[in-house]
Amino acid sequence: MASLPFYLSYPIWQTVSAKLNWSHFILLIGISDESTRIFYEKQSINENWSIRELERQINSSLYERLALSRNKKEVLRLPTKSKQSSAPSELIKDPYVLDFLRIPQSNKVTEKQLEQKIIDNLQLFLLELGKGFAFIGRQYKISFRNKHFYIDLVFYHRILKCFILIDLKTKAVRHNDIGQMNLYLNFFKSEENTEGDNEPMGIILSADKDEVLVEYATGGISNKIFVSKYQLYLPNKKQLEKQVKSIMEEV
């Protein structure tokens, strides 16, 4: 995209945030679409992004990825939000871009290897997850009736005030994966939550998913279970922009 002159992007200099430095604005004025630029500006302020973090989010097409998971009305609201949403569904991305793990597309990794790569790059993984996530542990052990289960990754979200459990799947998600996450969430509600905690949420992060299977498998479950794909490379920005444009043109 061609850069706009600074005075065209920010005609009233008093509106320029003092929380961002000149390097932030150099990146921002490179975004010609006003709504997209405003979104990244607000997110940079709200989440205190460094220059490197802002650049990564732009390169990973965060705006377009979020927009594609919403309807036209919600897309229009994206640039106007000044605070972190308290709606769990707006917290979840699909897909998550894990290019920073530097795993070649041709390589097949096990779930343990994927988990280790995430732990080795935890700071970048937290950035991809978004604001508010605090890491609790990996291979979190829960036990009952002499049976032991291990949850791949456990986080706590300080804004939503709830545990967030992540299960990693290097293949397409199956219905029993959803049932297993439901078991984990029920256990956490009963045994791990303390006063002030909201109900936990579960994210199954998988290499692929069948939307119809997920819809039927999660139907009737009261727990908040989300299934998101991950990809190991940066998305095609032009293709995503085209898809977002088609959403905006819907009647």
Protein backbone atom coordinates (compact mmCIF):
# COMPACT_ATOMS: atom_id res chain seq x y z
CA MET A 1 0.00 0.00 0.00
CA ALA A 2 1.22 3.52 -0.77
CA SER A 3 1.88 5.74 2.21
CA LEU A 4 -0.21 8.82 2.77
CA PRO A 5 1.48 12.07 3.82
CA PHE A 6 1.36 12.53 7.59
CA TYR A 7 -0.75 15.70 7.34
CA LEU A 8 -3.42 13.83 5.34
CA SER A 9 -3.57 10.93 7.77
CA TYR A 10 -3.61 13.23 10.81
CA PRO A 11 -4.86 16.65 9.62
CA ILE A 12 -5.44 17.85 13.20
CA TRP A 13 -2.14 17.36 15.02
CA GLN A 14 -3.78 17.60 18.45
CA THR A 15 -5.44 14.22 17.76
CA VAL A 16 -2.06 12.49 17.56
CA SER A 17 -1.57 10.34 20.65
CA ALA A 18 1.39 11.14 22.87
CA LYS A 19 1.46 7.45 23.81
CA LEU A 20 2.92 6.58 20.41
CA ASN A 21 6.24 7.76 19.06
CA TRP A 22 7.24 8.88 15.60
CA SER A 23 8.27 5.36 14.56
CA HIS A 24 4.76 4.10 15.32
CA PHE A 25 3.28 6.77 13.06
CA ILE A 26 5.74 5.97 10.25
CA LEU A 27 4.24 2.45 10.22
CA LEU A 28 0.68 3.70 10.57
CA ILE A 29 0.77 6.20 7.70
CA GLY A 30 1.84 3.32 5.47
CA ILE A 31 -1.73 2.01 5.80
CA SER A 32 -3.92 3.77 3.25
CA ASP A 33 -7.28 2.45 4.48
CA GLU A 34 -8.46 4.77 7.25
CA SER A 35 -10.46 2.20 9.23
CA THR A 36 -7.56 -0.23 9.24
CA ARG A 37 -5.11 2.48 10.29
CA ILE A 38 -7.35 3.66 13.14
CA PHE A 39 -7.73 0.07 14.34
CA TYR A 40 -3.97 -0.45 14.59
CA GLU A 41 -3.49 2.94 16.22
CA LYS A 42 -6.07 2.21 18.94
CA GLN A 43 -4.72 -1.30 19.51
CA SER A 44 -1.17 0.04 19.79
CA ILE A 45 -2.30 2.43 22.52
CA ASN A 46 -4.55 -0.03 24.36
CA GLU A 47 -2.06 -2.88 24.35
CA ASN A 48 1.10 -0.77 24.62
CA TRP A 49 2.65 -2.31 21.52
CA SER A 50 6.30 -1.67 20.78
CA ILE A 51 7.34 -0.82 17.22
CA ARG A 52 8.25 -4.47 16.66
CA GLU A 53 4.91 -5.68 18.01
CA LEU A 54 2.93 -3.23 15.87
CA GLU A 55 4.88 -4.27 12.78
CA ARG A 56 4.21 -7.93 13.45
CA GLN A 57 0.47 -7.36 13.90
CA ILE A 58 0.29 -5.42 10.63
CA ASN A 59 2.32 -8.05 8.78
CA SER A 60 0.16 -10.85 10.18
CA SER A 61 -3.01 -9.05 8.99
CA LEU A 62 -4.58 -8.92 12.45
CA TYR A 63 -7.33 -6.51 11.35
CA GLU A 64 -8.35 -8.64 8.39
CA ARG A 65 -8.27 -11.87 10.42
CA LEU A 66 -10.53 -10.39 13.08
CA ALA A 67 -12.82 -8.86 10.47
CA LEU A 68 -13.33 -12.19 8.69
CA SER A 69 -14.72 -13.74 11.86
CA ARG A 70 -17.40 -11.04 12.19
CA ASN A 71 -20.40 -9.74 10.30
CA LYS A 72 -20.54 -6.37 8.56
CA LYS A 73 -21.89 -4.53 11.61
CA GLU A 74 -19.13 -5.90 13.84
CA VAL A 75 -16.45 -5.10 11.24
CA LEU A 76 -17.58 -1.47 11.26
CA ARG A 77 -17.25 -1.43 15.05
CA LEU A 78 -13.66 -2.75 15.08
CA PRO A 79 -11.90 0.61 14.55
CA THR A 80 -14.15 2.42 17.06
CA LYS A 81 -13.36 0.23 20.06
CA SER A 82 -11.25 2.01 22.63
CA LYS A 83 -11.18 -0.75 25.25
CA GLN A 84 -10.60 -4.49 25.40
CA SER A 85 -13.84 -6.31 24.71
CA SER A 86 -15.38 -8.28 27.56
CA ALA A 87 -17.13 -10.62 25.13
CA PRO A 88 -15.28 -13.97 25.03
CA SER A 89 -16.18 -14.56 21.38
CA GLU A 90 -14.40 -11.32 20.41
CA LEU A 91 -11.27 -12.44 22.20
CA ILE A 92 -10.74 -15.51 20.01
CA LYS A 93 -8.94 -15.36 16.66
CA ASP A 94 -9.31 -17.77 13.79
CA PRO A 95 -6.77 -18.49 12.50
CA TYR A 96 -3.87 -17.88 14.83
CA VAL A 97 -0.65 -17.14 12.96
CA LEU A 98 2.37 -18.92 14.45
CA ASP A 99 4.98 -17.98 11.87
CA PHE A 100 7.38 -16.99 14.66
CA LEU A 101 7.79 -20.68 15.52
CA ARG A 102 9.75 -21.00 12.25
CA ILE A 103 8.42 -24.46 11.45
CA PRO A 104 8.62 -25.17 7.70
CA GLN A 105 5.27 -26.04 6.16
CA SER A 106 6.71 -29.30 4.86
CA ASN A 107 7.74 -30.42 8.36
CA LYS A 108 5.46 -32.63 10.39
CA VAL A 109 5.61 -31.88 14.10
CA THR A 110 4.15 -33.75 17.03
CA GLU A 111 1.93 -32.04 19.57
CA LYS A 112 4.77 -32.16 22.09
CA GLN A 113 7.13 -30.50 19.63
CA LEU A 114 4.56 -27.82 18.82
CA GLU A 115 4.04 -27.18 22.53
CA GLN A 116 7.79 -26.87 23.13
CA LYS A 117 8.13 -24.42 20.24
CA ILE A 118 5.37 -22.29 21.76
CA ILE A 119 7.04 -22.34 25.18
CA ASP A 120 10.35 -21.36 23.57
CA ASN A 121 8.59 -18.39 21.95
CA LEU A 122 6.13 -17.63 24.74
CA GLN A 123 6.43 -13.84 24.52
CA LEU A 124 5.43 -13.85 20.85
CA PHE A 125 2.67 -16.39 21.49
CA LEU A 126 1.24 -14.09 24.20
CA LEU A 127 1.30 -11.24 21.68
CA GLU A 128 -0.63 -13.38 19.20
CA LEU A 129 -3.18 -14.35 21.86
CA GLY A 130 -3.80 -10.69 22.70
CA LYS A 131 -4.00 -8.45 25.74
CA GLY A 132 -4.76 -9.84 29.18
CA PHE A 133 -3.29 -13.36 28.98
CA ALA A 134 -1.05 -14.53 31.83
CA PHE A 135 0.75 -17.86 31.53
CA ILE A 136 -0.01 -20.37 34.31
CA GLY A 137 1.60 -23.60 33.17
CA ARG A 138 2.08 -26.37 30.64
CA GLN A 139 1.01 -30.02 30.92
CA TYR A 140 -1.22 -28.94 33.79
CA LYS A 141 -2.13 -32.10 35.69
CA ILE A 142 -5.67 -32.76 36.88
CA SER A 143 -6.67 -35.99 38.62
CA PHE A 144 -9.80 -37.72 39.79
CA ARG A 145 -10.64 -41.36 40.57
CA ASN A 146 -6.96 -42.28 40.11
CA LYS A 147 -7.04 -41.04 36.52
CA HIS A 148 -4.66 -38.31 35.38
CA PHE A 149 -5.09 -35.83 32.55
CA TYR A 150 -2.68 -33.19 31.27
CA ILE A 151 -3.82 -29.91 29.74
CA ASP A 152 -1.30 -28.62 27.19
CA LEU A 153 -1.37 -24.92 28.15
CA VAL A 154 -3.20 -23.02 30.88
CA PHE A 155 -3.55 -19.23 31.01
CA TYR A 156 -5.48 -16.78 33.14
CA HIS A 157 -7.14 -13.77 31.53
CA ARG A 158 -6.90 -10.83 33.90
CA ILE A 159 -9.61 -8.79 32.13
CA LEU A 160 -12.17 -11.56 31.71
CA LYS A 161 -11.11 -13.00 35.09
CA CYS A 162 -11.14 -16.60 33.98
CA PHE A 163 -8.86 -19.51 33.22
CA ILE A 164 -8.28 -20.25 29.55
CA LEU A 165 -7.27 -23.79 28.67
CA ILE A 166 -5.57 -24.53 25.35
CA ASP A 167 -5.35 -27.97 23.79
CA LEU A 168 -3.02 -28.40 20.80
CA LYS A 169 -3.88 -30.65 17.87
CA THR A 170 -1.57 -31.11 14.89
CA LYS A 171 -4.34 -32.78 12.88
CA ALA A 172 -7.97 -31.91 12.21
CA VAL A 173 -10.04 -31.59 15.38
CA ARG A 174 -12.30 -34.55 16.21
CA HIS A 175 -15.52 -34.69 18.20
CA ASN A 176 -13.83 -36.50 21.09
CA ASP A 177 -11.30 -33.62 21.34
CA ILE A 178 -14.23 -31.35 22.09
CA GLY A 179 -15.57 -33.79 24.66
CA GLN A 180 -12.17 -33.91 26.34
CA MET A 181 -12.02 -30.10 26.55
CA ASN A 182 -15.51 -30.10 28.05
CA LEU A 183 -14.25 -32.48 30.75
CA TYR A 184 -11.32 -30.15 31.51
CA LEU A 185 -13.60 -27.12 31.81
CA ASN A 186 -16.04 -28.90 34.13
CA PHE A 187 -13.12 -29.93 36.36
CA PHE A 188 -11.73 -26.39 36.47
CA LYS A 189 -15.14 -24.94 37.34
CA SER A 190 -15.49 -27.34 40.24
CA GLU A 191 -11.94 -27.71 41.53
CA GLU A 192 -9.78 -24.80 40.36
CA ASN A 193 -12.02 -21.73 40.29
CA THR A 194 -12.03 -19.54 43.38
CA GLU A 195 -14.21 -16.64 44.46
CA GLY A 196 -14.26 -13.95 41.80
CA ASP A 197 -13.35 -16.26 38.92
CA ASN A 198 -15.68 -16.47 35.96
CA GLU A 199 -16.30 -19.75 34.18
CA PRO A 200 -13.22 -21.04 32.32
CA MET A 201 -12.93 -21.04 28.55
CA GLY A 202 -11.35 -23.62 26.25
CA ILE A 203 -9.53 -23.16 22.96
CA ILE A 204 -8.71 -26.15 20.80
CA LEU A 205 -5.93 -24.98 18.51
CA SER A 206 -5.80 -27.35 15.56
CA ALA A 207 -4.16 -27.69 12.17
CA ASP A 208 -7.57 -28.02 10.54
CA LYS A 209 -11.26 -28.25 11.38
CA ASP A 210 -14.57 -29.25 9.87
CA GLU A 211 -16.97 -26.39 10.58
CA VAL A 212 -20.04 -28.64 10.46
CA LEU A 213 -18.49 -31.19 12.83
CA VAL A 214 -17.54 -28.43 15.27
CA GLU A 215 -21.04 -26.97 15.15
CA TYR A 216 -22.70 -30.28 15.97
CA ALA A 217 -20.08 -31.35 18.52
CA THR A 218 -20.35 -28.10 20.50
CA GLY A 219 -24.14 -27.81 20.21
CA GLY A 220 -25.85 -28.02 23.58
CA ILE A 221 -22.60 -27.62 25.55
CA SER A 222 -22.88 -24.87 28.12
CA ASN A 223 -19.13 -24.40 28.49
CA LYS A 224 -17.38 -21.88 26.26
CA ILE A 225 -15.38 -24.01 23.81
CA PHE A 226 -13.77 -22.48 20.74
CA VAL A 227 -12.01 -24.30 17.91
CA SER A 228 -9.47 -22.27 15.96
CA LYS A 229 -7.01 -23.22 13.28
CA TYR A 230 -3.36 -22.28 13.41
CA GLN A 231 -1.14 -21.61 10.44
CA LEU A 232 2.64 -21.57 10.36
CA TYR A 233 3.07 -18.84 7.75
CA LEU A 234 1.89 -15.27 7.21
CA PRO A 235 -1.48 -15.03 5.43
CA ASN A 236 -1.92 -13.63 1.93
CA LYS A 237 -2.74 -10.02 2.78
CA LYS A 238 -4.25 -9.09 -0.57
CA GLN A 239 -6.56 -12.11 -0.49
CA LEU A 240 -7.69 -11.27 3.05
CA GLU A 241 -8.32 -7.63 2.09
CA LYS A 242 -10.44 -8.83 -0.83
CA GLN A 243 -12.48 -11.08 1.49
CA VAL A 244 -13.03 -8.24 3.97
CA LYS A 245 -14.11 -5.96 1.14
CA SER A 246 -16.70 -8.52 0.04
CA ILE A 247 -18.12 -8.58 3.58
CA MET A 248 -18.38 -4.79 3.59
CA GLU A 249 -20.20 -4.84 0.26
CA GLU A 250 -22.87 -7.27 1.47
CA VAL A 251 -26.37 -5.84 1.45
